[in-house]
PDB file of N, CA and C in Angstrom:
ATOM      1  N   MET A   1     133.918  90.925  92.335  1.00  0.00           N
ATOM      2  CA  MET A   1     133.010  91.876  92.333  1.00  0.00           C
ATOM      3  C   MET A   1     132.077  92.214  93.595  1.00  0.00           C
ATOM      4  N   ILE A   2     131.950  93.245  94.080  1.00  0.00           N
ATOM      5  CA  ILE A   2     131.309  93.214  95.182  1.00  0.00           C
ATOM      6  C   ILE A   2     129.822  93.187  94.897  1.00  0.00           C
ATOM      7  N   GLU A   3     128.749  93.297  95.170  1.00  0.00           N
ATOM      8  CA  GLU A   3     127.428  92.934  95.249  1.00  0.00           C
ATOM      9  C   GLU A   3     127.063  94.601  95.562  1.00  0.00           C
ATOM     10  N   VAL A   4     126.461  95.557  95.376  1.00  0.00           N
ATOM     11  CA  VAL A   4     126.020  96.720  95.930  1.00  0.00           C
ATOM     12  C   VAL A   4     124.675  96.193  96.267  1.00  0.00           C
ATOM     13  N   PRO A   5     123.921  96.669  97.681  1.00  0.00           N
ATOM     14  CA  PRO A   5     122.395  96.426  98.629  1.00  0.00           C
ATOM     15  C   PRO A   5     122.039  97.108  97.842  1.00  0.00           C
ATOM     16  N   LEU A   6     121.219  96.509  96.885  1.00  0.00           N
ATOM     17  CA  LEU A   6     119.646  97.064  96.914  1.00  0.00           C
ATOM     18  C   LEU A   6     118.589  97.742  97.626  1.00  0.00           C
ATOM     19  N   PRO A   7     118.063  98.996  98.057  1.00  0.00           N
ATOM     20  CA  PRO A   7     117.406  99.618  98.574  1.00  0.00           C
ATOM     21  C   PRO A   7     116.021  98.528  99.035  1.00  0.00           C
ATOM     22  N   ARG A   8     115.617  97.960 100.094  1.00  0.00           N
ATOM     23  CA  ARG A   8     114.358  97.361 100.532  1.00  0.00           C
ATOM     24  C   ARG A   8     113.099  98.350 100.140  1.00  0.00           C
ATOM     25  N   ASP A   9     113.379  99.439 100.372  1.00  0.00           N
ATOM     26  CA  ASP A   9     112.157 100.265  99.504  1.00  0.00           C
ATOM     27  C   ASP A   9     112.670 101.832  99.875  1.00  0.00           C
ATOM     28  N   ILE A  10     111.717 102.523  98.926  1.00  0.00           N
ATOM     29  CA  ILE A  10     112.154 103.542  98.059  1.00  0.00           C
ATOM     30  C   ILE A  10     111.134 104.516  98.344  1.00  0.00           C
ATOM     31  N   ARG A  11     110.778 105.864  98.940  1.00  0.00           N
ATOM     32  CA  ARG A  11     109.491 106.245  99.383  1.00  0.00           C
ATOM     33  C   ARG A  11     109.924 107.880  98.739  1.00  0.00           C
ATOM     34  N   LEU A  12     109.405 108.221  97.760  1.00  0.00           N
ATOM     35  CA  LEU A  12     109.519 110.002  97.331  1.00  0.00           C
ATOM     36  C   LEU A  12     108.436 110.535  98.721  1.00  0.00           C
ATOM     37  N   HIS A  13     109.011 111.761  99.139  1.00  0.00           N
ATOM     38  CA  HIS A  13     108.234 112.549 100.213  1.00  0.00           C
ATOM     39  C   HIS A  13     108.350 113.843  99.237  1.00  0.00           C
ATOM     40  N   LEU A  14     106.908 114.131  98.594  1.00  0.00           N
ATOM     41  CA  LEU A  14     106.741 115.477  97.847  1.00  0.00           C
ATOM     42  C   LEU A  14     106.783 116.457  98.651  1.00  0.00           C
ATOM     43  N   LYS A  15     105.909 116.627  99.538  1.00  0.00           N
ATOM     44  CA  LYS A  15     106.206 117.542 100.330  1.00  0.00           C
ATOM     45  C   LYS A  15     107.978 118.275 101.178  1.00  0.00           C
ATOM     46  N   SER A  16     108.557 117.128 101.567  1.00  0.00           N
ATOM     47  CA  SER A  16     109.527 117.459 102.063  1.00  0.00           C
ATOM     48  C   SER A  16     110.811 117.457 101.143  1.00  0.00           C
ATOM     49  N   ARG A  17     110.436 116.899  99.863  1.00  0.00           N
ATOM     50  CA  ARG A  17     111.486 116.908  98.927  1.00  0.00           C
ATOM     51  C   ARG A  17     112.479 116.289  99.134  1.00  0.00           C
ATOM     52  N   THR A  18     111.943 115.197  99.694  1.00  0.00           N
ATOM     53  CA  THR A  18     113.038 113.938 100.121  1.00  0.00           C
ATOM     54  C   THR A  18     113.069 112.790  99.438  1.00  0.00           C
ATOM     55  N   LEU A  19     114.362 111.796  98.963  1.00  0.00           N
ATOM     56  CA  LEU A  19     114.112 110.965  98.287  1.00  0.00           C
ATOM     57  C   LEU A  19     114.618 109.652  99.799  1.00  0.00           C
ATOM     58  N   GLU A  20     113.251 108.732 100.226  1.00  0.00           N
ATOM     59  CA  GLU A  20     113.897 108.133 101.048  1.00  0.00           C
ATOM     60  C   GLU A  20     114.427 106.719 100.625  1.00  0.00           C
ATOM     61  N   LEU A  21     115.389 105.902 101.003  1.00  0.00           N
ATOM     62  CA  LEU A  21     116.019 104.913 100.973  1.00  0.00           C
ATOM     63  C   LEU A  21     116.271 104.007 101.882  1.00  0.00           C
ATOM     64  N   VAL A  22     115.790 103.014 101.807  1.00  0.00           N
ATOM     65  CA  VAL A  22     115.569 102.251 103.085  1.00  0.00           C
ATOM     66  C   VAL A  22     116.597 101.132 102.820  1.00  0.00           C
ATOM     67  N   TYR A  23     117.444 100.632 103.179  1.00  0.00           N
ATOM     68  CA  TYR A  23     118.244  99.538 103.346  1.00  0.00           C
ATOM     69  C   TYR A  23     118.579  98.990 104.520  1.00  0.00           C
ATOM     70  N   ASP A  24     118.989  97.278 103.910  1.00  0.00           N
ATOM     71  CA  ASP A  24     119.192  96.637 105.690  1.00  0.00           C
ATOM     72  C   ASP A  24     120.209  97.305 107.012  1.00  0.00           C
ATOM     73  N   ASP A  25     120.930  98.021 106.661  1.00  0.00           N
ATOM     74  CA  ASP A  25     121.644  98.902 107.119  1.00  0.00           C
ATOM     75  C   ASP A  25     121.257 100.035 107.999  1.00  0.00           C
ATOM     76  N   GLY A  26     119.970 100.534 107.738  1.00  0.00           N
ATOM     77  CA  GLY A  26     119.184 101.982 108.174  1.00  0.00           C
ATOM     78  C   GLY A  26     118.736 102.405 106.826  1.00  0.00           C
ATOM     79  N   THR A  27     117.840 103.866 106.951  1.00  0.00           N
ATOM     80  CA  THR A  27     117.609 104.551 106.728  1.00  0.00           C
ATOM     81  C   THR A  27     117.604 106.135 106.034  1.00  0.00           C
ATOM     82  N   PHE A  28     117.965 106.356 104.937  1.00  0.00           N
ATOM     83  CA  PHE A  28     118.140 107.370 104.321  1.00  0.00           C
ATOM     84  C   PHE A  28     117.530 108.776 103.732  1.00  0.00           C
ATOM     85  N   GLU A  29     117.371 109.497 104.212  1.00  0.00           N
ATOM     86  CA  GLU A  29     116.650 110.730 103.368  1.00  0.00           C
ATOM     87  C   GLU A  29     117.858 111.630 102.744  1.00  0.00           C
ATOM     88  N   LEU A  30     117.418 111.356 101.566  1.00  0.00           N
ATOM     89  CA  LEU A  30     118.180 112.400 100.706  1.00  0.00           C
ATOM     90  C   LEU A  30     117.391 113.398 100.156  1.00  0.00           C
ATOM     91  N   SER A  31     117.979 114.964 100.109  1.00  0.00           N
ATOM     92  CA  SER A  31     117.126 116.104  99.689  1.00  0.00           C
ATOM     93  C   SER A  31     117.127 116.118  98.191  1.00  0.00           C
ATOM     94  N   ALA A  32     116.134 116.620  97.598  1.00  0.00           N
ATOM     95  CA  ALA A  32     115.851 117.157  96.144  1.00  0.00           C
ATOM     96  C   ALA A  32     117.388 117.837  96.338  1.00  0.00           C
ATOM     97  N   GLU A  33     117.739 118.753  96.521  1.00  0.00           N
ATOM     98  CA  GLU A  33     118.878 119.554  96.059  1.00  0.00           C
ATOM     99  C   GLU A  33     119.695 118.688  95.980  1.00  0.00           C
ATOM    100  N   PHE A  34     120.232 118.152  97.435  1.00  0.00           N
ATOM    101  CA  PHE A  34     121.176 116.955  96.931  1.00  0.00           C
ATOM    102  C   PHE A  34     121.576 116.148  95.708  1.00  0.00           C
ATOM    103  N   LEU A  35     120.512 115.506  95.453  1.00  0.00           N
ATOM    104  CA  LEU A  35     120.433 115.159  94.462  1.00  0.00           C
ATOM    105  C   LEU A  35     120.443 115.609  92.855  1.00  0.00           C
ATOM    106  N   ARG A  36     120.195 116.444  93.131  1.00  0.00           N
ATOM    107  CA  ARG A  36     119.788 117.636  91.968  1.00  0.00           C
ATOM    108  C   ARG A  36     121.228 117.986  91.658  1.00  0.00           C
ATOM    109  N   VAL A  37     121.910 118.494  92.417  1.00  0.00           N
ATOM    110  CA  VAL A  37     123.489 118.812  92.208  1.00  0.00           C
ATOM    111  C   VAL A  37     124.782 117.762  92.713  1.00  0.00           C
ATOM    112  N   HIS A  38     124.586 116.125  92.787  1.00  0.00           N
ATOM    113  CA  HIS A  38     125.096 115.749  92.479  1.00  0.00           C
ATOM    114  C   HIS A  38     124.457 114.684  91.036  1.00  0.00           C
ATOM    115  N   SER A  39     124.062 115.037  90.478  1.00  0.00           N
ATOM    116  CA  SER A  39     123.357 114.237  89.188  1.00  0.00           C
ATOM    117  C   SER A  39     124.185 114.079  88.735  1.00  0.00           C
ATOM    118  N   PRO A  40     124.221 112.564  88.157  1.00  0.00           N
ATOM    119  CA  PRO A  40     125.256 111.615  87.469  1.00  0.00           C
ATOM    120  C   PRO A  40     124.899 112.525  85.888  1.00  0.00           C
ATOM    121  N   SER A  41     124.404 113.247  85.576  1.00  0.00           N
ATOM    122  CA  SER A  41     123.949 113.466  83.814  1.00  0.00           C
ATOM    123  C   SER A  41     125.733 113.931  83.604  1.00  0.00           C
ATOM    124  N   ALA A  42     125.592 114.011  82.645  1.00  0.00           N
ATOM    125  CA  ALA A  42     126.518 114.681  81.509  1.00  0.00           C
ATOM    126  C   ALA A  42     126.877 116.473  81.604  1.00  0.00           C
ATOM    127  N   GLU A  43     125.435 117.333  81.854  1.00  0.00           N
ATOM    128  CA  GLU A  43     125.317 118.156  82.545  1.00  0.00           C
ATOM    129  C   GLU A  43     125.687 119.015  83.603  1.00  0.00           C
ATOM    130  N   VAL A  44     125.822 117.949  84.490  1.00  0.00           N
ATOM    131  CA  VAL A  44     126.295 118.381  85.417  1.00  0.00           C
ATOM    132  C   VAL A  44     127.564 117.755  85.668  1.00  0.00           C
ATOM    133  N   ARG A  45     128.138 116.663  85.682  1.00  0.00           N
ATOM    134  CA  ARG A  45     129.470 116.081  85.262  1.00  0.00           C
ATOM    135  C   ARG A  45     130.452 116.106  84.341  1.00  0.00           C
ATOM    136  N   GLY A  46     129.280 117.032  83.335  1.00  0.00           N
ATOM    137  CA  GLY A  46     130.508 117.098  81.721  1.00  0.00           C
ATOM    138  C   GLY A  46     130.706 116.164  81.175  1.00  0.00           C
ATOM    139  N   HIS A  47     131.375 116.230  80.175  1.00  0.00           N
ATOM    140  CA  HIS A  47     131.994 115.320  79.341  1.00  0.00           C
ATOM    141  C   HIS A  47     133.031 115.126  79.060  1.00  0.00           C
ATOM    142  N   GLY A  48     134.172 114.991  80.411  1.00  0.00           N
ATOM    143  CA  GLY A  48     135.363 114.602  80.443  1.00  0.00           C
ATOM    144  C   GLY A  48     135.541 115.065  81.894  1.00  0.00           C
ATOM    145  N   ILE A  49     136.724 114.672  82.186  1.00  0.00           N
ATOM    146  CA  ILE A  49     137.498 114.242  83.614  1.00  0.00           C
ATOM    147  C   ILE A  49     138.042 115.948  83.700  1.00  0.00           C
ATOM    148  N   GLY A  50     137.399 116.265  85.010  1.00  0.00           N
ATOM    149  CA  GLY A  50     137.695 118.077  85.112  1.00  0.00           C
ATOM    150  C   GLY A  50     136.335 119.432  84.064  1.00  0.00           C
ATOM    151  N   ASN A  51     135.491 118.737  83.934  1.00  0.00           N
ATOM    152  CA  ASN A  51     134.511 119.837  83.075  1.00  0.00           C
ATOM    153  C   ASN A  51     133.411 119.563  83.448  1.00  0.00           C
ATOM    154  N   GLY A  52     132.814 119.203  85.175  1.00  0.00           N
ATOM    155  CA  GLY A  52     131.820 119.341  85.424  1.00  0.00           C
ATOM    156  C   GLY A  52     131.164 120.801  85.832  1.00  0.00           C
ATOM    157  N   VAL A  53     130.181 120.674  85.960  1.00  0.00           N
ATOM    158  CA  VAL A  53     129.682 122.394  86.270  1.00  0.00           C
ATOM    159  C   VAL A  53     129.136 122.543  87.582  1.00  0.00           C
ATOM    160  N   LEU A  54     129.626 123.382  88.365  1.00  0.00           N
ATOM    161  CA  LEU A  54     128.508 123.388  89.794  1.00  0.00           C
ATOM    162  C   LEU A  54     127.384 123.806  89.697  1.00  0.00           C
ATOM    163  N   GLN A  55     126.742 123.204  90.193  1.00  0.00           N
ATOM    164  CA  GLN A  55     125.356 123.606  90.030  1.00  0.00           C
ATOM    165  C   GLN A  55     124.529 124.472  91.381  1.00  0.00           C
ATOM    166  N   HIS A  56     124.031 125.758  91.202  1.00  0.00           N
ATOM    167  CA  HIS A  56     124.000 126.355  92.576  1.00  0.00           C
ATOM    168  C   HIS A  56     122.772 127.186  91.886  1.00  0.00           C
ATOM    169  N   GLY A  57     121.644 127.662  93.127  1.00  0.00           N
ATOM    170  CA  GLY A  57     120.612 128.514  93.196  1.00  0.00           C
ATOM    171  C   GLY A  57     119.377 126.480  92.977  1.00  0.00           C
ATOM    172  N   LYS A  58     119.766 125.847  93.481  1.00  0.00           N
ATOM    173  CA  LYS A  58     118.884 124.774  93.513  1.00  0.00           C
ATOM    174  C   LYS A  58     117.900 124.183  94.663  1.00  0.00           C
ATOM    175  N   LYS A  59     118.523 124.970  95.937  1.00  0.00           N
ATOM    176  CA  LYS A  59     117.733 124.718  97.282  1.00  0.00           C
ATOM    177  C   LYS A  59     116.572 124.381  97.350  1.00  0.00           C
ATOM    178  N   HIS A  60     115.586 125.395  96.829  1.00  0.00           N
ATOM    179  CA  HIS A  60     113.973 125.002  96.166  1.00  0.00           C
ATOM    180  C   HIS A  60     113.387 124.051  95.545  1.00  0.00           C
ATOM    181  N   VAL A  61     114.673 123.202  94.335  1.00  0.00           N
ATOM    182  CA  VAL A  61     114.018 122.042  93.879  1.00  0.00           C
ATOM    183  C   VAL A  61     113.552 121.139  94.345  1.00  0.00           C
ATOM    184  N   GLY A  62     112.405 120.533  93.524  1.00  0.00           N
ATOM    185  CA  GLY A  62     111.373 119.876  94.361  1.00  0.00           C
ATOM    186  C   GLY A  62     111.742 118.351  93.226  1.00  0.00           C
ATOM    187  N   ILE A  63     111.088 117.392  93.713  1.00  0.00           N
ATOM    188  CA  ILE A  63     111.043 116.214  92.733  1.00  0.00           C
ATOM    189  C   ILE A  63     109.536 115.409  92.286  1.00  0.00           C
ATOM    190  N   LYS A  64     109.621 115.518  90.720  1.00  0.00           N
ATOM    191  CA  LYS A  64     108.261 115.684  90.519  1.00  0.00           C
ATOM    192  C   LYS A  64     108.081 113.849  90.108  1.00  0.00           C
ATOM    193  N   GLY A  65     109.292 112.963  90.376  1.00  0.00           N
ATOM    194  CA  GLY A  65     108.902 111.658  90.160  1.00  0.00           C
ATOM    195  C   GLY A  65     110.148 111.004  90.030  1.00  0.00           C
ATOM    196  N   VAL A  66     110.325 109.563  89.994  1.00  0.00           N
ATOM    197  CA  VAL A  66     110.823 108.454  89.918  1.00  0.00           C
ATOM    198  C   VAL A  66     110.608 107.940  88.772  1.00  0.00           C
ATOM    199  N   GLU A  67     111.145 107.043  88.289  1.00  0.00           N
ATOM    200  CA  GLU A  67     110.902 105.924  87.290  1.00  0.00           C
ATOM    201  C   GLU A  67     112.274 104.859  87.324  1.00  0.00           C
ATOM    202  N   PRO A  68     112.104 103.879  87.433  1.00  0.00           N
ATOM    203  CA  PRO A  68     113.067 102.611  87.297  1.00  0.00           C
ATOM    204  C   PRO A  68     113.671 102.523  85.566  1.00  0.00           C
ATOM    205  N   SER A  69     114.855 101.950  85.347  1.00  0.00           N
ATOM    206  CA  SER A  69     115.714 102.999  84.219  1.00  0.00           C
ATOM    207  C   SER A  69     116.529 101.454  84.211  1.00  0.00           C
ATOM    208  N   GLY A  70     115.384 100.033  83.620  1.00  0.00           N
ATOM    209  CA  GLY A  70     116.051  98.747  83.658  1.00  0.00           C
ATOM    210  C   GLY A  70     115.823  98.577  85.395  1.00  0.00           C
ATOM    211  N   ASN A  71     116.958  97.223  85.422  1.00  0.00           N
ATOM    212  CA  ASN A  71     117.191  96.840  86.452  1.00  0.00           C
ATOM    213  C   ASN A  71     118.316  97.450  87.458  1.00  0.00           C
ATOM    214  N   TYR A  72     118.847  98.928  86.630  1.00  0.00           N
ATOM    215  CA  TYR A  72     119.996  99.115  87.102  1.00  0.00           C
ATOM    216  C   TYR A  72     120.358 100.486  87.988  1.00  0.00           C
ATOM    217  N   ALA A  73     118.690 101.358  87.477  1.00  0.00           N
ATOM    218  CA  ALA A  73     119.117 102.826  88.033  1.00  0.00           C
ATOM    219  C   ALA A  73     117.507 103.180  88.170  1.00  0.00           C
ATOM    220  N   LEU A  74     117.605 104.220  88.752  1.00  0.00           N
ATOM    221  CA  LEU A  74     116.557 105.331  88.667  1.00  0.00           C
ATOM    222  C   LEU A  74     116.773 106.657  87.770  1.00  0.00           C
ATOM    223  N   LYS A  75     115.539 106.824  87.152  1.00  0.00           N
ATOM    224  CA  LYS A  75     115.723 108.476  86.968  1.00  0.00           C
ATOM    225  C   LYS A  75     114.818 109.188  87.721  1.00  0.00           C
ATOM    226  N   ILE A  76     115.400 110.535  88.361  1.00  0.00           N
ATOM    227  CA  ILE A  76     114.459 111.172  88.614  1.00  0.00           C
ATOM    228  C   ILE A  76     114.574 111.953  87.896  1.00  0.00           C
ATOM    229  N   ILE A  77     113.214 112.851  88.184  1.00  0.00           N
ATOM    230  CA  ILE A  77     112.646 114.240  87.396  1.00  0.00           C
ATOM    231  C   ILE A  77     112.093 115.004  88.288  1.00  0.00           C
ATOM    232  N   PHE A  78     113.023 116.214  87.570  1.00  0.00           N
ATOM    233  CA  PHE A  78     113.223 117.311  89.019  1.00  0.00           C
ATOM    234  C   PHE A  78     112.269 118.299  88.511  1.00  0.00           C
ATOM    235  N   ASP A  79     111.523 119.462  89.511  1.00  0.00           N
ATOM    236  CA  ASP A  79     111.127 120.001  89.559  1.00  0.00           C
ATOM    237  C   ASP A  79     111.435 121.591  88.097  1.00  0.00           C
ATOM    238  N   ASP A  80     112.827 121.358  87.974  1.00  0.00           N
ATOM    239  CA  ASP A  80     113.040 122.513  87.409  1.00  0.00           C
ATOM    240  C   ASP A  80     113.564 122.127  85.892  1.00  0.00           C
ATOM    241  N   GLY A  81     112.996 121.125  85.395  1.00  0.00           N
ATOM    242  CA  GLY A  81     113.448 120.121  84.139  1.00  0.00           C
ATOM    243  C   GLY A  81     114.204 119.398  83.790  1.00  0.00           C
ATOM    244  N   HIS A  82     115.184 119.159  85.070  1.00  0.00           N
ATOM    245  CA  HIS A  82     116.247 118.484  84.678  1.00  0.00           C
ATOM    246  C   HIS A  82     115.814 117.385  85.193  1.00  0.00           C
ATOM    247  N   ASP A  83     116.153 115.769  83.903  1.00  0.00           N
ATOM    248  CA  ASP A  83     116.450 114.804  84.355  1.00  0.00           C
ATOM    249  C   ASP A  83     116.859 113.544  83.522  1.00  0.00           C
ATOM    250  N   SER A  84     118.152 114.104  83.224  1.00  0.00           N
ATOM    251  CA  SER A  84     118.695 113.238  82.095  1.00  0.00           C
ATOM    252  C   SER A  84     119.433 112.766  83.449  1.00  0.00           C
ATOM    253  N   GLY A  85     119.631 112.452  84.133  1.00  0.00           N
ATOM    254  CA  GLY A  85     120.794 111.882  84.950  1.00  0.00           C
ATOM    255  C   GLY A  85     120.142 110.597  85.819  1.00  0.00           C
ATOM    256  N   LEU A  86     120.833 109.066  85.454  1.00  0.00           N
ATOM    257  CA  LEU A  86     120.565 108.062  85.928  1.00  0.00           C
ATOM    258  C   LEU A  86     121.399 107.454  86.998  1.00  0.00           C
ATOM    259  N   TYR A  87     120.497 107.446  88.230  1.00  0.00           N
ATOM    260  CA  TYR A  87     121.368 107.165  89.538  1.00  0.00           C
ATOM    261  C   TYR A  87     121.345 105.639  89.454  1.00  0.00           C
ATOM    262  N   THR A  88     121.906 105.106  89.290  1.00  0.00           N
ATOM    263  CA  THR A  88     122.372 103.793  89.510  1.00  0.00           C
ATOM    264  C   THR A  88     122.259 103.102  91.118  1.00  0.00           C
ATOM    265  N   TRP A  89     122.014 101.980  90.939  1.00  0.00           N
ATOM    266  CA  TRP A  89     121.602 101.480  92.370  1.00  0.00           C
ATOM    267  C   TRP A  89     123.235 101.736  93.113  1.00  0.00           C
ATOM    268  N   GLU A  90     124.518 101.740  92.528  1.00  0.00           N
ATOM    269  CA  GLU A  90     125.712 101.858  93.197  1.00  0.00           C
ATOM    270  C   GLU A  90     125.937 103.423  93.584  1.00  0.00           C
ATOM    271  N   TYR A  91     125.826 104.145  92.598  1.00  0.00           N
ATOM    272  CA  TYR A  91     125.782 105.366  92.964  1.00  0.00           C
ATOM    273  C   TYR A  91     124.747 105.905  94.110  1.00  0.00           C
ATOM    274  N   LEU A  92     123.318 105.632  94.180  1.00  0.00           N
ATOM    275  CA  LEU A  92     122.211 105.948  95.265  1.00  0.00           C
ATOM    276  C   LEU A  92     122.994 105.603  96.688  1.00  0.00           C
ATOM    277  N   HIS A  93     123.386 104.397  96.794  1.00  0.00           N
ATOM    278  CA  HIS A  93     123.946 103.954  97.982  1.00  0.00           C
ATOM    279  C   HIS A  93     124.970 104.652  98.254  1.00  0.00           C
ATOM    280  N   ASP A  94     126.290 105.139  97.551  1.00  0.00           N
ATOM    281  CA  ASP A  94     126.977 105.713  97.799  1.00  0.00           C
ATOM    282  C   ASP A  94     126.874 107.024  98.481  1.00  0.00           C
ATOM    283  N   LEU A  95     125.856 107.898  97.561  1.00  0.00           N
ATOM    284  CA  LEU A  95     125.637 108.887  97.892  1.00  0.00           C
ATOM    285  C   LEU A  95     124.566 109.189  99.405  1.00  0.00           C
ATOM    286  N   ALA A  96     124.064 107.796  99.650  1.00  0.00           N
ATOM    287  CA  ALA A  96     123.087 107.653 100.765  1.00  0.00           C
ATOM    288  C   ALA A  96     124.343 107.766 101.905  1.00  0.00           C
ATOM    289  N   HIS A  97     125.113 106.754 101.680  1.00  0.00           N
ATOM    290  CA  HIS A  97     126.221 106.582 102.694  1.00  0.00           C
ATOM    291  C   HIS A  97     127.361 107.584 102.963  1.00  0.00           C
ATOM    292  N   ASN A  98     127.437 108.262 102.065  1.00  0.00           N
ATOM    293  CA  ASN A  98     128.344 108.853 102.297  1.00  0.00           C
ATOM    294  C   ASN A  98     127.872 110.976 102.268  1.00  0.00           C
ATOM    295  N   GLN A  99     126.920 110.946 102.429  1.00  0.00           N
ATOM    296  CA  GLN A  99     125.981 112.171 102.169  1.00  0.00           C
ATOM    297  C   GLN A  99     127.020 113.195 102.902  1.00  0.00           C
ATOM    298  N   ALA A 100     127.211 113.304 104.253  1.00  0.00           N
ATOM    299  CA  ALA A 100     127.728 114.188 105.181  1.00  0.00           C
ATOM    300  C   ALA A 100     128.943 114.708 104.305  1.00  0.00           C
ATOM    301  N   GLU A 101     130.076 113.638 103.492  1.00  0.00           N
ATOM    302  CA  GLU A 101     130.850 114.127 103.265  1.00  0.00           C
ATOM    303  C   GLU A 101     131.115 114.905 101.881  1.00  0.00           C
ATOM    304  N   TYR A 102     130.035 114.324 101.531  1.00  0.00           N
ATOM    305  CA  TYR A 102     129.909 115.291  99.665  1.00  0.00           C
ATOM    306  C   TYR A 102     128.974 116.646  99.783  1.00  0.00           C
ATOM    307  N   TRP A 103     128.071 116.539 101.488  1.00  0.00           N
ATOM    308  CA  TRP A 103     127.281 117.539 101.231  1.00  0.00           C
ATOM    309  C   TRP A 103     128.688 119.071 101.508  1.00  0.00           C
ATOM    310  N   GLU A 104     128.823 118.311 102.512  1.00  0.00           N
ATOM    311  CA  GLU A 104     130.232 119.372 103.156  1.00  0.00           C
ATOM    312  C   GLU A 104     131.064 120.093 101.731  1.00  0.00           C
ATOM    313  N   ARG A 105     131.819 119.180 100.859  1.00  0.00           N
ATOM    314  CA  ARG A 105     132.386 119.249  99.884  1.00  0.00           C
ATOM    315  C   ARG A 105     131.921 120.344  99.152  1.00  0.00           C
ATOM    316  N   TYR A 106     130.154 120.084  98.552  1.00  0.00           N
ATOM    317  CA  TYR A 106     129.523 121.064  97.611  1.00  0.00           C
ATOM    318  C   TYR A 106     129.458 122.327  98.316  1.00  0.00           C
ATOM    319  N   LEU A 107     129.648 122.457  99.884  1.00  0.00           N
ATOM    320  CA  LEU A 107     129.213 123.765 100.302  1.00  0.00           C
ATOM    321  C   LEU A 107     130.339 124.517 100.403  1.00  0.00           C
ATOM    322  N   LYS A 108     131.724 124.018  99.865  1.00  0.00           N
ATOM    323  CA  LYS A 108     133.146 124.439  99.917  1.00  0.00           C
ATOM    324  C   LYS A 108     133.310 124.922  98.685  1.00  0.00           C
ATOM    325  N   GLN A 109     132.313 124.046  97.956  1.00  0.00           N
ATOM    326  CA  GLN A 109     133.020 124.426  96.122  1.00  0.00           C
ATOM    327  C   GLN A 109     132.148 125.541  96.292  1.00  0.00           C
ATOM    328  N   LEU A 110     130.676 125.745  96.547  1.00  0.00           N
ATOM    329  CA  LEU A 110     130.082 126.766  96.247  1.00  0.00           C
ATOM    330  C   LEU A 110     130.699 128.351  96.843  1.00  0.00           C
ATOM    331  N   GLU A 111     131.087 127.929  98.285  1.00  0.00           N
ATOM    332  CA  GLU A 111     131.736 129.095  98.835  1.00  0.00           C
ATOM    333  C   GLU A 111     133.092 129.950  97.964  1.00  0.00           C
ATOM    334  N   ALA A 112     134.186 128.788  97.524  1.00  0.00           N
ATOM    335  CA  ALA A 112     134.943 129.263  96.776  1.00  0.00           C
ATOM    336  C   ALA A 112     134.917 130.093  95.190  1.00  0.00           C
ATOM    337  N   ALA A 113     133.292 129.512  94.902  1.00  0.00           N
ATOM    338  CA  ALA A 113     132.675 129.978  93.846  1.00  0.00           C
ATOM    339  C   ALA A 113     132.005 131.450  94.009  1.00  0.00           C
ATOM    340  N   GLY A 114     131.880 131.538  95.385  1.00  0.00           N
ATOM    341  CA  GLY A 114     131.250 132.675  95.451  1.00  0.00           C
ATOM    342  C   GLY A 114     129.395 132.482  94.731  1.00  0.00           C
ATOM    343  N   LYS A 115     129.226 131.329  94.657  1.00  0.00           N
ATOM    344  CA  LYS A 115     127.712 131.062  94.512  1.00  0.00           C
ATOM    345  C   LYS A 115     126.694 130.557  95.743  1.00  0.00           C
ATOM    346  N   SER A 116     125.224 130.726  95.566  1.00  0.00           N
ATOM    347  CA  SER A 116     124.836 130.551  96.585  1.00  0.00           C
ATOM    348  C   SER A 116     124.151 129.159  96.235  1.00  0.00           C
ATOM    349  N   ARG A 117     123.454 128.800  97.370  1.00  0.00           N
ATOM    350  CA  ARG A 117     122.310 127.873  97.292  1.00  0.00           C
ATOM    351  C   ARG A 117     121.323 128.325  96.719  1.00  0.00           C
ATOM    352  N   ASP A 118     120.544 129.407  96.759  1.00  0.00           N
ATOM    353  CA  ASP A 118     119.451 130.452  96.635  1.00  0.00           C
ATOM    354  C   ASP A 118     119.700 130.756  95.289  1.00  0.00           C
ATOM    355  N   ASN A 119     118.827 131.121  94.463  1.00  0.00           N
ATOM    356  CA  ASN A 119     119.195 131.863  93.290  1.00  0.00           C
ATOM    357  C   ASN A 119     119.659 133.054  93.097  1.00  0.00           C
ATOM    358  N   GLY A 120     121.206 133.075  93.809  1.00  0.00           N
ATOM    359  CA  GLY A 120     122.095 134.149  93.705  1.00  0.00           C
ATOM    360  C   GLY A 120     121.375 135.486  94.141  1.00  0.00           C
ATOM    361  N   LEU A 121     120.526 135.332  94.942  1.00  0.00           N
ATOM    362  CA  LEU A 121     119.887 136.399  95.102  1.00  0.00           C
ATOM    363  C   LEU A 121     120.191 136.768  96.923  1.00  0.00           C
ATOM    364  N   ILE A 122     120.999 137.719  97.447  1.00  0.00           N
ATOM    365  CA  ILE A 122     121.446 138.308  98.946  1.00  0.00           C
ATOM    366  C   ILE A 122     119.896 138.906  99.035  1.00  0.00           C
ATOM    367  N   ALA A 123     119.046 138.786 100.049  1.00  0.00           N
ATOM    368  CA  ALA A 123     118.441 139.305 100.735  1.00  0.00           C
ATOM    369  C   ALA A 123     118.991 140.839 101.698  1.00  0.00           C
ATOM    370  N   ARG A 124     118.726 141.650 101.321  1.00  0.00           N
ATOM    371  CA  ARG A 124     119.278 143.437 101.745  1.00  0.00           C
ATOM    372  C   ARG A 124     118.270 143.865 102.874  1.00  0.00           C
ATOM    373  N   GLY A 125     118.602 143.719 103.812  1.00  0.00           N
ATOM    374  CA  GLY A 125     117.699 144.407 105.069  1.00  0.00           C
ATOM    375  C   GLY A 125     117.525 145.913 104.908  1.00  0.00           C
TER     376      GLY A 125
END
């Protein structure tokens, strides 16, 4: 079994709406939007394979707080009321180290679905 590295430090930056994770191999800043749309909750992932719900309109979401959940995860409390996903150390490490790939995939899914990172509002000039 491979041991997942734990972050040496975790910092919540309310103003920039990011969660900073410091590992031995680097420091990673994950935006609240990125964490929210990749929530491991059933609301986002669905209750079975292929039942996930594409999150959209989360560009301006923030993080109200983080709480440890046992010795294995963090509970992230978002300002849109979402707080049901438990981000395991393994999942956070994966998100941090593969952020660019996951973000690109998310943006392509949004585009394919005709959805927006904003609240679906298109500015008219």
